[in-house]
C-alpha atoms as a PDB file:
ATOM      1  CA  UNK A   1       0.000   0.000   0.000  1.00  0.00           C
ATOM      2  CA  UNK A   2       1.280   3.469  -0.868  1.00  0.00           C
ATOM      3  CA  UNK A   3       1.926   5.892   1.947  1.00  0.00           C
ATOM      4  CA  UNK A   4      -0.869   8.502   1.637  1.00  0.00           C
ATOM      5  CA  UNK A   5       1.631  11.271   2.494  1.00  0.00           C
ATOM      6  CA  UNK A   6       3.888  10.364  -0.434  1.00  0.00           C
ATOM      7  CA  UNK A   7       3.116  11.761  -3.849  1.00  0.00           C
ATOM      8  CA  UNK A   8       4.408  10.244  -7.043  1.00  0.00           C
ATOM      9  CA  UNK A   9       3.072  11.799 -10.190  1.00  0.00           C
ATOM     10  CA  UNK A  10       2.883  10.114 -13.563  1.00  0.00           C
ATOM     11  CA  UNK A  11       6.149  10.633 -15.393  1.00  0.00           C
ATOM     12  CA  UNK A  12       5.836  12.856 -18.423  1.00  0.00           C
ATOM     13  CA  UNK A  13       8.662  14.098 -20.631  1.00  0.00           C
ATOM     14  CA  UNK A  14       9.752  17.466 -19.289  1.00  0.00           C
ATOM     15  CA  UNK A  15      13.165  18.104 -20.790  1.00  0.00           C
ATOM     16  CA  UNK A  16      11.643  19.546 -23.957  1.00  0.00           C
ATOM     17  CA  UNK A  17       9.606  21.965 -21.823  1.00  0.00           C
ATOM     18  CA  UNK A  18      12.779  23.127 -20.079  1.00  0.00           C
ATOM     19  CA  UNK A  19      14.597  23.579 -23.393  1.00  0.00           C
ATOM     20  CA  UNK A  20      11.669  25.521 -24.802  1.00  0.00           C
ATOM     21  CA  UNK A  21      11.573  27.829 -21.765  1.00  0.00           C
ATOM     22  CA  UNK A  22      15.319  28.441 -22.029  1.00  0.00           C
ATOM     23  CA  UNK A  23      15.270  28.780 -25.811  1.00  0.00           C
ATOM     24  CA  UNK A  24      18.007  26.176 -26.281  1.00  0.00           C
ATOM     25  CA  UNK A  25      18.337  22.918 -28.196  1.00  0.00           C
ATOM     26  CA  UNK A  26      20.557  21.226 -25.626  1.00  0.00           C
ATOM     27  CA  UNK A  27      21.092  21.635 -21.874  1.00  0.00           C
ATOM     28  CA  UNK A  28      24.494  19.919 -21.749  1.00  0.00           C
ATOM     29  CA  UNK A  29      26.839  21.665 -19.359  1.00  0.00           C
ATOM     30  CA  UNK A  30      24.099  23.605 -17.567  1.00  0.00           C
ATOM     31  CA  UNK A  31      23.472  23.337 -13.839  1.00  0.00           C
ATOM     32  CA  UNK A  32      19.807  22.408 -13.377  1.00  0.00           C
ATOM     33  CA  UNK A  33      17.703  23.359 -10.336  1.00  0.00           C
ATOM     34  CA  UNK A  34      14.434  21.451 -10.525  1.00  0.00           C
ATOM     35  CA  UNK A  35      12.164  23.252  -8.057  1.00  0.00           C
ATOM     36  CA  UNK A  36       9.418  20.827  -7.052  1.00  0.00           C
ATOM     37  CA  UNK A  37      11.115  18.136  -9.145  1.00  0.00           C
ATOM     38  CA  UNK A  38       9.635  15.193  -7.201  1.00  0.00           C
ATOM     39  CA  UNK A  39      11.496  12.096  -8.394  1.00  0.00           C
ATOM     40  CA  UNK A  40      13.535  13.806 -11.096  1.00  0.00           C
ATOM     41  CA  UNK A  41      11.707  13.672 -14.430  1.00  0.00           C
ATOM     42  CA  UNK A  42      14.021  16.275 -15.944  1.00  0.00           C
ATOM     43  CA  UNK A  43      17.050  14.300 -14.766  1.00  0.00           C
ATOM     44  CA  UNK A  44      15.665  11.047 -16.172  1.00  0.00           C
ATOM     45  CA  UNK A  45      14.977  12.696 -19.534  1.00  0.00           C
ATOM     46  CA  UNK A  46      18.410  14.316 -19.541  1.00  0.00           C
ATOM     47  CA  UNK A  47      20.148  11.033 -18.793  1.00  0.00           C
ATOM     48  CA  UNK A  48      18.219   9.269 -21.566  1.00  0.00           C
ATOM     49  CA  UNK A  49      19.299  12.005 -24.017  1.00  0.00           C
ATOM     50  CA  UNK A  50      22.866  12.220 -22.631  1.00  0.00           C
ATOM     51  CA  UNK A  51      22.329  15.915 -21.895  1.00  0.00           C
ATOM     52  CA  UNK A  52      22.452  16.050 -18.094  1.00  0.00           C
ATOM     53  CA  UNK A  53      25.149  14.768 -15.780  1.00  0.00           C
ATOM     54  CA  UNK A  54      23.783  13.687 -12.399  1.00  0.00           C
ATOM     55  CA  UNK A  55      26.119  16.000 -10.482  1.00  0.00           C
ATOM     56  CA  UNK A  56      24.783  19.009 -12.463  1.00  0.00           C
ATOM     57  CA  UNK A  57      21.221  18.312 -11.307  1.00  0.00           C
ATOM     58  CA  UNK A  58      19.639  19.520  -8.063  1.00  0.00           C
ATOM     59  CA  UNK A  59      16.068  18.722  -7.066  1.00  0.00           C
ATOM     60  CA  UNK A  60      14.303  20.703  -4.352  1.00  0.00           C
ATOM     61  CA  UNK A  61      11.061  19.176  -3.114  1.00  0.00           C
ATOM     62  CA  UNK A  62       8.820  18.835  -0.048  1.00  0.00           C
ATOM     63  CA  UNK A  63       8.380  15.045  -0.273  1.00  0.00           C
ATOM     64  CA  UNK A  64      11.272  13.552   1.692  1.00  0.00           C
ATOM     65  CA  UNK A  65      10.296   9.941   1.005  1.00  0.00           C
ATOM     66  CA  UNK A  66      10.311  10.469  -2.761  1.00  0.00           C
ATOM     67  CA  UNK A  67      13.615  12.338  -2.545  1.00  0.00           C
ATOM     68  CA  UNK A  68      15.156   9.513  -0.508  1.00  0.00           C
ATOM     69  CA  UNK A  69      14.045   6.946  -3.097  1.00  0.00           C
ATOM     70  CA  UNK A  70      15.347   9.086  -5.968  1.00  0.00           C
ATOM     71  CA  UNK A  71      18.681   9.531  -4.187  1.00  0.00           C
ATOM     72  CA  UNK A  72      19.062   5.755  -4.052  1.00  0.00           C
ATOM     73  CA  UNK A  73      18.466   5.532  -7.802  1.00  0.00           C
ATOM     74  CA  UNK A  74      20.596   8.568  -8.729  1.00  0.00           C
ATOM     75  CA  UNK A  75      23.151   9.013  -5.920  1.00  0.00           C
ATOM     76  CA  UNK A  76      25.341  11.540  -7.739  1.00  0.00           C
ATOM     77  CA  UNK A  77      22.490  14.020  -8.190  1.00  0.00           C
ATOM     78  CA  UNK A  78      21.621  16.506  -5.444  1.00  0.00           C
ATOM     79  CA  UNK A  79      18.345  15.952  -3.615  1.00  0.00           C
ATOM     80  CA  UNK A  80      17.263  18.718  -1.221  1.00  0.00           C
ATOM     81  CA  UNK A  81      14.316  18.441   1.145  1.00  0.00           C
ATOM     82  CA  UNK A  82      12.548  21.705   1.846  1.00  0.00           C
ATOM     83  CA  UNK A  83       9.754  21.821   4.404  1.00  0.00           C
END
């Protein structure tokens, strides 16, 4: 049973949204702050496209359990809990 205090949203491709907002074709070499990034959709997309290095990615979110799980999967990324 899922913990009712833990939120995990359906994963949708978000890297293209970020690129569109920045007006770039590629985010390689950029430091990414994913405010409210949950379990790291932008990171996952960036890794699939070889555009984001884990250590260049920081996720700030209010769901500590999701952040802890994401940190296990992507230990070189930065996962910050903000209450």
